[in-house]
Amino acid sequence: MGIGGIFGGLCRFRLARAISEKAGTAFPLGTFIINIAGAALLGLVSSINVSGRAYLLLGDGFLGAFTTFSTFMYEGFSLFRGNEKLNAFAYILGTFLLGVIGYALGSLGGRFIISL
């Protein structure tokens, strides 16, 4: 699990930075995209019945560190403090809603893969 966490955290850091630099907006697009993609990947991993150790490596380790609740909360409330209330609401609600949808779609994709 620790190895997965190391690689997940490194991937998140590099990818979020690259996305945010390209976006150039006050909206934390990097964390937003990563958390939704991570939810979809977790749905996929949890639905394809990977073994216990593989799930710990991929689900808990890699995806647990790849997605980040603490950064999500920090960025969301930073938008509120910076008088970006509309962006804050869009970011927080959008992450929750699209995260659930992403997980569901990932789970459906995993079940489709298994059925092949």
Protein backbone atom coordinates (compact mmCIF):
# COMPACT_ATOMS: atom_id res chain seq x y z
CA MET A 1 0.00 0.00 0.00
CA GLY A 2 2.84 2.42 0.82
CA ILE A 3 4.46 2.00 -2.60
CA GLY A 4 1.13 2.74 -4.29
CA GLY A 5 0.73 5.81 -2.10
CA ILE A 6 4.15 7.13 -3.03
CA PHE A 7 3.46 6.81 -6.75
CA GLY A 8 -0.11 8.12 -6.44
CA GLY A 9 1.05 11.22 -4.55
CA LEU A 10 3.83 11.91 -7.03
CA CYS A 11 1.47 11.53 -9.98
CA ARG A 12 -1.08 13.83 -8.37
CA PHE A 13 1.48 16.50 -7.63
CA ARG A 14 2.95 16.53 -11.14
CA LEU A 15 -0.36 16.26 -12.97
CA ALA A 16 -2.19 18.85 -10.85
CA ARG A 17 0.63 21.31 -11.31
CA ALA A 18 0.72 20.78 -15.08
CA ILE A 19 -3.05 21.18 -15.43
CA SER A 20 -3.20 24.25 -13.20
CA GLU A 21 -0.34 25.95 -15.05
CA LYS A 22 -2.06 25.41 -18.40
CA ALA A 23 -5.48 26.50 -17.09
CA GLY A 24 -4.23 29.70 -15.49
CA THR A 25 -7.50 30.39 -13.65
CA ALA A 26 -8.50 30.85 -10.02
CA PHE A 27 -10.51 27.63 -10.30
CA PRO A 28 -8.41 24.66 -9.03
CA LEU A 29 -8.87 22.64 -12.22
CA GLY A 30 -5.99 20.24 -11.54
CA THR A 31 -7.39 18.89 -8.26
CA PHE A 32 -10.91 18.91 -9.72
CA ILE A 33 -9.96 16.72 -12.70
CA ILE A 34 -7.75 14.42 -10.63
CA ASN A 35 -10.40 13.77 -7.97
CA ILE A 36 -13.06 12.95 -10.57
CA ALA A 37 -10.69 10.74 -12.58
CA GLY A 38 -9.60 9.04 -9.35
CA ALA A 39 -13.22 8.35 -8.40
CA ALA A 40 -13.84 6.78 -11.82
CA LEU A 41 -10.69 4.67 -11.55
CA LEU A 42 -11.65 3.55 -8.04
CA GLY A 43 -15.04 2.49 -9.38
CA LEU A 44 -13.27 0.47 -12.07
CA VAL A 45 -10.78 -1.13 -9.68
CA SER A 46 -13.43 -2.01 -7.12
CA SER A 47 -15.71 -3.62 -9.70
CA ILE A 48 -13.20 -5.90 -11.45
CA ASN A 49 -12.57 -8.00 -8.36
CA VAL A 50 -8.83 -7.49 -8.01
CA SER A 51 -7.17 -9.50 -5.26
CA GLY A 52 -6.84 -8.12 -1.73
CA ARG A 53 -3.21 -7.07 -2.07
CA ALA A 54 -3.68 -5.62 -5.54
CA TYR A 55 -6.64 -3.60 -4.26
CA LEU A 56 -4.54 -2.30 -1.36
CA LEU A 57 -1.83 -1.26 -3.83
CA LEU A 58 -4.13 0.31 -6.42
CA GLY A 59 -7.27 1.36 -4.55
CA ASP A 60 -6.10 2.32 -1.09
CA GLY A 61 -2.49 3.14 -1.98
CA PHE A 62 -2.25 4.71 -5.43
CA LEU A 63 -5.75 6.13 -5.79
CA GLY A 64 -5.95 7.11 -2.12
CA ALA A 65 -2.89 9.31 -2.57
CA PHE A 66 -3.73 10.34 -6.15
CA THR A 67 -7.02 11.86 -5.04
CA THR A 68 -6.89 14.26 -2.15
CA PHE A 69 -9.61 15.40 0.20
CA SER A 70 -7.40 17.76 2.16
CA THR A 71 -6.29 19.73 -0.91
CA PHE A 72 -9.89 19.75 -2.14
CA MET A 73 -11.06 21.31 1.14
CA TYR A 74 -8.18 23.79 1.26
CA GLU A 75 -8.75 24.97 -2.30
CA GLY A 76 -12.53 25.13 -1.88
CA PHE A 77 -12.37 27.27 1.23
CA SER A 78 -9.58 29.41 -0.24
CA LEU A 79 -12.01 30.31 -3.02
CA PHE A 80 -14.58 31.37 -0.41
CA ARG A 81 -12.03 33.51 1.42
CA GLY A 82 -10.92 35.09 -1.85
CA ASN A 83 -14.49 36.20 -2.68
CA GLU A 84 -14.76 33.59 -5.45
CA LYS A 85 -18.01 32.23 -4.01
CA LEU A 86 -19.47 31.07 -7.33
CA ASN A 87 -16.26 29.21 -8.16
CA ALA A 88 -16.20 27.75 -4.64
CA PHE A 89 -19.74 26.38 -4.95
CA ALA A 90 -19.08 25.05 -8.46
CA TYR A 91 -15.85 23.40 -7.31
CA ILE A 92 -17.23 21.77 -4.16
CA LEU A 93 -20.60 20.68 -5.54
CA GLY A 94 -19.15 19.74 -8.92
CA THR A 95 -16.49 17.55 -7.31
CA PHE A 96 -19.05 15.70 -5.20
CA LEU A 97 -21.59 15.22 -7.98
CA LEU A 98 -19.15 14.38 -10.76
CA GLY A 99 -17.15 12.19 -8.37
CA VAL A 100 -20.20 10.04 -7.68
CA ILE A 101 -21.04 9.91 -11.39
CA GLY A 102 -17.40 9.09 -12.20
CA TYR A 103 -17.35 6.26 -9.68
CA ALA A 104 -20.59 4.85 -11.09
CA LEU A 105 -19.31 5.03 -14.67
CA GLY A 106 -16.02 3.41 -13.67
CA SER A 107 -17.92 0.64 -11.93
CA LEU A 108 -20.09 0.08 -15.00
CA GLY A 109 -16.97 0.00 -17.15
CA GLY A 110 -15.38 -2.59 -14.87
CA ARG A 111 -18.46 -4.79 -14.98
CA PHE A 112 -18.49 -4.49 -18.77
CA ILE A 113 -14.82 -5.56 -18.93
CA ILE A 114 -15.56 -8.58 -16.72
CA SER A 115 -18.48 -9.60 -18.93
CA LEU A 116 -16.30 -9.80 -22.06
